[in-house]
C-alpha atoms as a PDB file:
ATOM      1  CA  MET A   1      17.774 -38.708  17.852  1.00  0.00           C
ATOM      2  CA  ASP A   2      13.925 -38.162  18.993  1.00  0.00           C
ATOM      3  CA  LEU A   3      12.897 -34.627  18.762  1.00  0.00           C
ATOM      4  CA  TRP A   4      10.715 -34.678  21.559  1.00  0.00           C
ATOM      5  CA  ARG A   5      13.196 -35.969  24.201  1.00  0.00           C
ATOM      6  CA  ASP A   6      15.561 -33.661  26.220  1.00  0.00           C
ATOM      7  CA  VAL A   7      19.012 -33.088  24.891  1.00  0.00           C
ATOM      8  CA  THR A   8      21.852 -31.416  26.313  1.00  0.00           C
ATOM      9  CA  ASP A   9      23.411 -28.097  24.902  1.00  0.00           C
ATOM     10  CA  SER A  10      27.102 -27.239  24.610  1.00  0.00           C
ATOM     11  CA  SER A  11      27.155 -25.836  28.228  1.00  0.00           C
ATOM     12  CA  GLY A  12      25.606 -28.905  29.822  1.00  0.00           C
ATOM     13  CA  GLY A  13      22.096 -27.799  30.329  1.00  0.00           C
ATOM     14  CA  GLU A  14      19.065 -29.475  28.942  1.00  0.00           C
ATOM     15  CA  ILE A  15      17.082 -28.227  26.126  1.00  0.00           C
ATOM     16  CA  ASP A  16      13.732 -29.353  25.371  1.00  0.00           C
ATOM     17  CA  ILE A  17      13.460 -29.709  21.713  1.00  0.00           C
ATOM     18  CA  SER A  18       9.376 -29.934  21.886  1.00  0.00           C
ATOM     19  CA  ARG A  19       9.476 -26.345  23.760  1.00  0.00           C
ATOM     20  CA  LEU A  20      11.843 -25.045  20.972  1.00  0.00           C
ATOM     21  CA  ALA A  21       9.536 -26.305  18.163  1.00  0.00           C
ATOM     22  CA  TYR A  22       6.607 -24.776  19.703  1.00  0.00           C
ATOM     23  CA  LYS A  23       8.161 -21.603  20.504  1.00  0.00           C
ATOM     24  CA  LYS A  24       9.261 -21.611  16.837  1.00  0.00           C
ATOM     25  CA  ARG A  25       5.690 -22.286  15.585  1.00  0.00           C
ATOM     26  CA  LEU A  26       4.309 -19.682  17.771  1.00  0.00           C
ATOM     27  CA  TYR A  27       6.870 -17.265  16.738  1.00  0.00           C
ATOM     28  CA  VAL A  28       5.919 -18.094  12.848  1.00  0.00           C
ATOM     29  CA  ILE A  29       2.102 -17.700  13.831  1.00  0.00           C
ATOM     30  CA  PHE A  30       2.865 -14.344  15.417  1.00  0.00           C
ATOM     31  CA  GLU A  31       5.017 -13.207  12.502  1.00  0.00           C
ATOM     32  CA  ALA A  32       2.269 -14.208  10.106  1.00  0.00           C
ATOM     33  CA  ILE A  33      -0.560 -12.351  11.916  1.00  0.00           C
ATOM     34  CA  LEU A  34       1.752  -9.281  12.401  1.00  0.00           C
ATOM     35  CA  LEU A  35       2.588  -9.160   8.542  1.00  0.00           C
ATOM     36  CA  MET A  36      -1.118  -9.485   7.572  1.00  0.00           C
ATOM     37  CA  VAL A  37      -2.205  -6.891  10.139  1.00  0.00           C
ATOM     38  CA  ALA A  38       0.909  -4.663   8.873  1.00  0.00           C
ATOM     39  CA  LEU A  39       0.043  -4.984   5.194  1.00  0.00           C
ATOM     40  CA  GLN A  40      -3.883  -4.366   5.754  1.00  0.00           C
ATOM     41  CA  GLY A  41      -3.223  -1.262   7.644  1.00  0.00           C
ATOM     42  CA  ILE A  42      -0.713  -0.174   5.279  1.00  0.00           C
ATOM     43  CA  THR A  43      -3.462  -0.668   2.696  1.00  0.00           C
ATOM     44  CA  GLU A  44      -5.978   1.022   4.552  1.00  0.00           C
ATOM     45  CA  ILE A  45      -3.943   4.128   5.350  1.00  0.00           C
ATOM     46  CA  SER A  46      -2.694   4.473   1.817  1.00  0.00           C
ATOM     47  CA  GLU A  47      -6.017   4.035   0.511  1.00  0.00           C
ATOM     48  CA  LEU A  48      -7.733   6.852   2.676  1.00  0.00           C
ATOM     49  CA  TYR A  49      -4.820   9.296   2.006  1.00  0.00           C
ATOM     50  CA  ILE A  50      -4.405   8.716  -1.696  1.00  0.00           C
ATOM     51  CA  SER A  51      -8.466   8.690  -2.321  1.00  0.00           C
ATOM     52  CA  SER A  52      -8.646  12.124  -0.694  1.00  0.00           C
ATOM     53  CA  PHE A  53      -7.052  13.732  -3.597  1.00  0.00           C
ATOM     54  CA  PHE A  54      -9.295  12.015  -6.201  1.00  0.00           C
ATOM     55  CA  PRO A  55     -13.238  12.082  -6.699  1.00  0.00           C
ATOM     56  CA  ARG A  56     -14.768   9.237  -4.874  1.00  0.00           C
ATOM     57  CA  THR A  57     -15.763   6.514  -7.741  1.00  0.00           C
ATOM     58  CA  ARG A  58     -15.423   2.808  -7.952  1.00  0.00           C
ATOM     59  CA  LEU A  59     -13.115   3.094 -10.776  1.00  0.00           C
ATOM     60  CA  ASN A  60     -10.793   5.358  -8.817  1.00  0.00           C
ATOM     61  CA  GLU A  61     -10.897   2.982  -5.782  1.00  0.00           C
ATOM     62  CA  ARG A  62      -9.823  -0.023  -8.177  1.00  0.00           C
ATOM     63  CA  ILE A  63      -6.959   2.043  -9.741  1.00  0.00           C
ATOM     64  CA  ILE A  64      -5.742   3.022  -6.229  1.00  0.00           C
ATOM     65  CA  ASN A  65      -6.304  -0.447  -4.924  1.00  0.00           C
ATOM     66  CA  ILE A  66      -4.180  -1.805  -7.877  1.00  0.00           C
ATOM     67  CA  SER A  67      -1.598   0.680  -7.204  1.00  0.00           C
ATOM     68  CA  ILE A  68      -1.020   0.045  -3.583  1.00  0.00           C
ATOM     69  CA  MET A  69      -1.259  -3.918  -4.078  1.00  0.00           C
ATOM     70  CA  ILE A  70       1.422  -3.586  -6.725  1.00  0.00           C
ATOM     71  CA  VAL A  71       3.742  -1.564  -4.553  1.00  0.00           C
ATOM     72  CA  LEU A  72       2.966  -3.902  -1.367  1.00  0.00           C
ATOM     73  CA  THR A  73       3.787  -7.005  -3.798  1.00  0.00           C
ATOM     74  CA  VAL A  74       7.059  -5.672  -4.421  1.00  0.00           C
ATOM     75  CA  VAL A  75       7.636  -4.858  -0.772  1.00  0.00           C
ATOM     76  CA  LEU A  76       6.447  -8.611  -0.106  1.00  0.00           C
ATOM     77  CA  ILE A  77       9.002  -9.931  -2.509  1.00  0.00           C
ATOM     78  CA  LEU A  78      11.845  -7.783  -1.036  1.00  0.00           C
ATOM     79  CA  TYR A  79      11.193  -8.849   2.553  1.00  0.00           C
ATOM     80  CA  ALA A  80      11.067 -12.521   1.582  1.00  0.00           C
ATOM     81  CA  LYS A  81      14.475 -11.960   0.156  1.00  0.00           C
ATOM     82  CA  ILE A  82      15.712 -10.325   3.033  1.00  0.00           C
ATOM     83  CA  ARG A  83      14.515 -12.959   5.075  1.00  0.00           C
ATOM     84  CA  LYS A  84      15.657 -15.754   2.604  1.00  0.00           C
ATOM     85  CA  GLN A  85      12.057 -16.904   2.322  1.00  0.00           C
ATOM     86  CA  ALA A  86      11.102 -18.978  -1.046  1.00  0.00           C
ATOM     87  CA  LEU A  87       7.849 -17.846  -2.586  1.00  0.00           C
ATOM     88  CA  SER A  88       7.531 -20.733  -4.746  1.00  0.00           C
ATOM     89  CA  PHE A  89       6.015 -18.234  -7.608  1.00  0.00           C
ATOM     90  CA  PHE A  90       6.561 -20.624 -10.444  1.00  0.00           C
ATOM     91  CA  PRO A  91       6.637 -24.416 -10.563  1.00  0.00           C
ATOM     92  CA  GLU A  92       9.802 -26.031 -10.617  1.00  0.00           C
ATOM     93  CA  LYS A  93       9.080 -27.580 -14.024  1.00  0.00           C
ATOM     94  CA  ILE A  94       6.964 -25.526 -16.378  1.00  0.00           C
ATOM     95  CA  SER A  95       4.687 -28.209 -18.052  1.00  0.00           C
ATOM     96  CA  LYS A  96       2.654 -28.004 -21.075  1.00  0.00           C
ATOM     97  CA  GLY A  97      -0.640 -28.013 -18.404  1.00  0.00           C
ATOM     98  CA  TYR A  98       0.741 -24.777 -17.089  1.00  0.00           C
ATOM     99  CA  ILE A  99       1.029 -23.077 -20.452  1.00  0.00           C
ATOM    100  CA  ILE A 100      -2.149 -24.146 -21.557  1.00  0.00           C
ATOM    101  CA  ALA A 101      -3.793 -22.813 -18.289  1.00  0.00           C
ATOM    102  CA  THR A 102      -1.969 -19.706 -18.579  1.00  0.00           C
ATOM    103  CA  CYS A 103      -2.924 -18.969 -22.169  1.00  0.00           C
ATOM    104  CA  ALA A 104      -6.660 -20.168 -21.594  1.00  0.00           C
ATOM    105  CA  ALA A 105      -6.850 -17.622 -18.653  1.00  0.00           C
ATOM    106  CA  ALA A 106      -5.495 -15.090 -20.655  1.00  0.00           C
ATOM    107  CA  VAL A 107      -7.771 -15.746 -23.413  1.00  0.00           C
ATOM    108  CA  VAL A 108     -10.748 -15.618 -20.961  1.00  0.00           C
ATOM    109  CA  PHE A 109      -9.637 -12.289 -19.743  1.00  0.00           C
ATOM    110  CA  ILE A 110      -9.061 -10.557 -23.193  1.00  0.00           C
ATOM    111  CA  ILE A 111     -12.515 -11.820 -24.803  1.00  0.00           C
ATOM    112  CA  ALA A 112     -14.779 -11.309 -21.781  1.00  0.00           C
ATOM    113  CA  PRO A 113     -17.845  -9.801 -23.055  1.00  0.00           C
ATOM    114  CA  SER A 114     -17.950  -7.120 -20.474  1.00  0.00           C
ATOM    115  CA  ASN A 115     -14.863  -5.803 -22.221  1.00  0.00           C
ATOM    116  CA  PHE A 116     -16.899  -4.573 -25.141  1.00  0.00           C
ATOM    117  CA  THR A 117     -19.683  -3.097 -23.051  1.00  0.00           C
ATOM    118  CA  GLN A 118     -17.956  -1.115 -20.178  1.00  0.00           C
ATOM    119  CA  GLY A 119     -14.731  -0.455 -21.923  1.00  0.00           C
ATOM    120  CA  PHE A 120     -11.799   0.817 -19.754  1.00  0.00           C
ATOM    121  CA  THR A 121     -13.811   0.143 -16.394  1.00  0.00           C
ATOM    122  CA  SER A 122     -14.063  -3.575 -17.287  1.00  0.00           C
ATOM    123  CA  VAL A 123     -10.346  -3.940 -17.984  1.00  0.00           C
ATOM    124  CA  ILE A 124      -9.616  -2.326 -14.636  1.00  0.00           C
ATOM    125  CA  ASN A 125     -11.942  -4.592 -12.894  1.00  0.00           C
ATOM    126  CA  ILE A 126     -10.299  -7.824 -14.600  1.00  0.00           C
ATOM    127  CA  LEU A 127      -6.974  -6.401 -13.917  1.00  0.00           C
ATOM    128  CA  TYR A 128      -8.124  -5.550 -10.455  1.00  0.00           C
ATOM    129  CA  GLY A 129      -9.823  -8.993  -9.279  1.00  0.00           C
ATOM    130  CA  SER A 130      -8.437 -11.553 -12.032  1.00  0.00           C
ATOM    131  CA  ILE A 131      -4.408 -10.301 -12.018  1.00  0.00           C
ATOM    132  CA  VAL A 132      -3.151  -7.975  -9.304  1.00  0.00           C
ATOM    133  CA  THR A 133      -5.259  -9.345  -6.191  1.00  0.00           C
ATOM    134  CA  PRO A 134      -4.483 -12.777  -6.943  1.00  0.00           C
ATOM    135  CA  VAL A 135      -0.843 -12.453  -7.481  1.00  0.00           C
ATOM    136  CA  TYR A 136      -0.542 -10.371  -4.339  1.00  0.00           C
ATOM    137  CA  GLU A 137      -2.751 -12.720  -2.365  1.00  0.00           C
ATOM    138  CA  GLU A 138      -1.163 -15.722  -3.576  1.00  0.00           C
ATOM    139  CA  LEU A 139       2.232 -14.536  -2.966  1.00  0.00           C
ATOM    140  CA  LEU A 140       1.139 -13.493   0.642  1.00  0.00           C
ATOM    141  CA  PHE A 141      -0.736 -16.371   1.810  1.00  0.00           C
ATOM    142  CA  ARG A 142       0.204 -19.258  -0.278  1.00  0.00           C
ATOM    143  CA  GLY A 143       3.846 -17.758  -1.017  1.00  0.00           C
ATOM    144  CA  TYR A 144       5.583 -16.467   1.833  1.00  0.00           C
ATOM    145  CA  ILE A 145       3.019 -17.799   4.776  1.00  0.00           C
ATOM    146  CA  TRP A 146       2.517 -20.966   3.507  1.00  0.00           C
ATOM    147  CA  ASN A 147       6.290 -21.662   3.118  1.00  0.00           C
ATOM    148  CA  ARG A 148       7.030 -20.113   6.474  1.00  0.00           C
ATOM    149  CA  PHE A 149       4.681 -22.531   8.291  1.00  0.00           C
ATOM    150  CA  GLY A 150       6.256 -25.245   6.228  1.00  0.00           C
ATOM    151  CA  LYS A 151       9.678 -24.953   7.972  1.00  0.00           C
ATOM    152  CA  VAL A 152       7.974 -25.234  11.235  1.00  0.00           C
ATOM    153  CA  MET A 153       5.546 -28.156  10.548  1.00  0.00           C
ATOM    154  CA  THR A 154       6.731 -31.536  11.121  1.00  0.00           C
ATOM    155  CA  ASN A 155       4.975 -32.945   7.855  1.00  0.00           C
ATOM    156  CA  ARG A 156       2.132 -32.495   5.248  1.00  0.00           C
ATOM    157  CA  TRP A 157      -0.540 -33.074   7.698  1.00  0.00           C
ATOM    158  CA  ASN A 158       0.551 -30.348  10.150  1.00  0.00           C
ATOM    159  CA  VAL A 159       0.116 -28.048   7.128  1.00  0.00           C
ATOM    160  CA  LEU A 160      -3.225 -29.702   5.988  1.00  0.00           C
ATOM    161  CA  GLN A 161      -4.366 -28.817   9.796  1.00  0.00           C
ATOM    162  CA  LEU A 162      -3.283 -25.254   9.508  1.00  0.00           C
ATOM    163  CA  LEU A 163      -4.867 -24.770   6.041  1.00  0.00           C
ATOM    164  CA  LYS A 164      -8.031 -25.883   7.433  1.00  0.00           C
ATOM    165  CA  ILE A 165      -7.872 -23.610  10.493  1.00  0.00           C
ATOM    166  CA  ALA A 166      -6.274 -20.893   8.679  1.00  0.00           C
ATOM    167  CA  ALA A 167      -8.674 -20.837   5.272  1.00  0.00           C
ATOM    168  CA  GLY A 168     -11.730 -22.326   6.814  1.00  0.00           C
ATOM    169  CA  LEU A 169     -14.023 -21.281   3.823  1.00  0.00           C
ATOM    170  CA  PHE A 170     -14.154 -23.227   0.578  1.00  0.00           C
ATOM    171  CA  TYR A 171     -12.541 -20.428  -1.730  1.00  0.00           C
ATOM    172  CA  GLY A 172      -9.433 -20.694   0.366  1.00  0.00           C
ATOM    173  CA  THR A 173      -9.780 -24.612   0.881  1.00  0.00           C
ATOM    174  CA  ILE A 174      -9.659 -24.885  -3.008  1.00  0.00           C
ATOM    175  CA  LEU A 175      -6.516 -22.588  -3.347  1.00  0.00           C
ATOM    176  CA  GLY A 176      -4.987 -24.383  -0.533  1.00  0.00           C
ATOM    177  CA  PHE A 177      -5.540 -27.692  -2.041  1.00  0.00           C
ATOM    178  CA  ILE A 178      -4.236 -26.483  -5.229  1.00  0.00           C
ATOM    179  CA  ARG A 179      -1.178 -25.186  -3.448  1.00  0.00           C
ATOM    180  CA  LEU A 180      -0.631 -28.162  -1.738  1.00  0.00           C
ATOM    181  CA  LYS A 181      -0.588 -30.281  -4.833  1.00  0.00           C
ATOM    182  CA  THR A 182       1.552 -28.326  -7.201  1.00  0.00           C
ATOM    183  CA  LYS A 183       4.124 -26.625  -4.700  1.00  0.00           C
ATOM    184  CA  ASN A 184       3.919 -23.342  -6.308  1.00  0.00           C
ATOM    185  CA  CYS A 185       1.779 -20.146  -6.319  1.00  0.00           C
ATOM    186  CA  TRP A 186       1.102 -19.986 -10.218  1.00  0.00           C
ATOM    187  CA  ALA A 187      -1.404 -22.280 -10.285  1.00  0.00           C
ATOM    188  CA  THR A 188      -3.282 -21.005  -7.615  1.00  0.00           C
ATOM    189  CA  ILE A 189      -2.851 -17.618  -8.941  1.00  0.00           C
ATOM    190  CA  LEU A 190      -4.311 -18.561 -12.083  1.00  0.00           C
ATOM    191  CA  ALA A 191      -7.248 -20.396 -10.194  1.00  0.00           C
ATOM    192  CA  HIS A 192      -7.708 -17.286  -8.019  1.00  0.00           C
ATOM    193  CA  GLY A 193      -7.723 -15.139 -10.741  1.00  0.00           C
ATOM    194  CA  ILE A 194     -10.347 -17.196 -12.805  1.00  0.00           C
ATOM    195  CA  MET A 195     -12.491 -17.529  -9.669  1.00  0.00           C
ATOM    196  CA  ASN A 196     -12.397 -13.661  -9.180  1.00  0.00           C
ATOM    197  CA  PHE A 197     -13.207 -13.500 -12.874  1.00  0.00           C
ATOM    198  CA  PHE A 198     -16.352 -15.136 -12.512  1.00  0.00           C
ATOM    199  CA  MET A 199     -17.486 -13.272  -9.482  1.00  0.00           C
ATOM    200  CA  ILE A 200     -16.935  -9.656 -10.883  1.00  0.00           C
END
């Protein structure tokens, strides 16, 4: 059956499949935008409220942001479960390459020279920029949203087009390419964490 031709529904009326597909795409785009705005709004409001109880320092801001992102990550996972939407967190098969990359990233984070000069502040910076933020953002963008768009796009080319439009920047494009090739978020979390580590 041609997806772009009109078909007849059970009551005898015609249904334009292309219109249904278009409406579904618009719905998914609207849902993605609404989800991103809602999560960002919750982050900003929570940060403003919680930070009023503590002295305004960069360390306190990072600790507050880490706490908020951990809570929002749990909320996102629960939301995906309710929506029956896979997040593709781990690869289908954990190969030696993933184990080596994970161990290498962990070693880099542990032996980072800044750990020895700034102490607890460096640990919080690495935890924030290279672990918590990548897990949260990758599960949101290249987990939930990527898979939602994948359901309404007809092929990989459409996903690539969406990636170019949505990501736009070099950083997002690299992570999107990794997500497309590996079909999971674990690889993008590792890459995101390492890239953030070198920008801290």
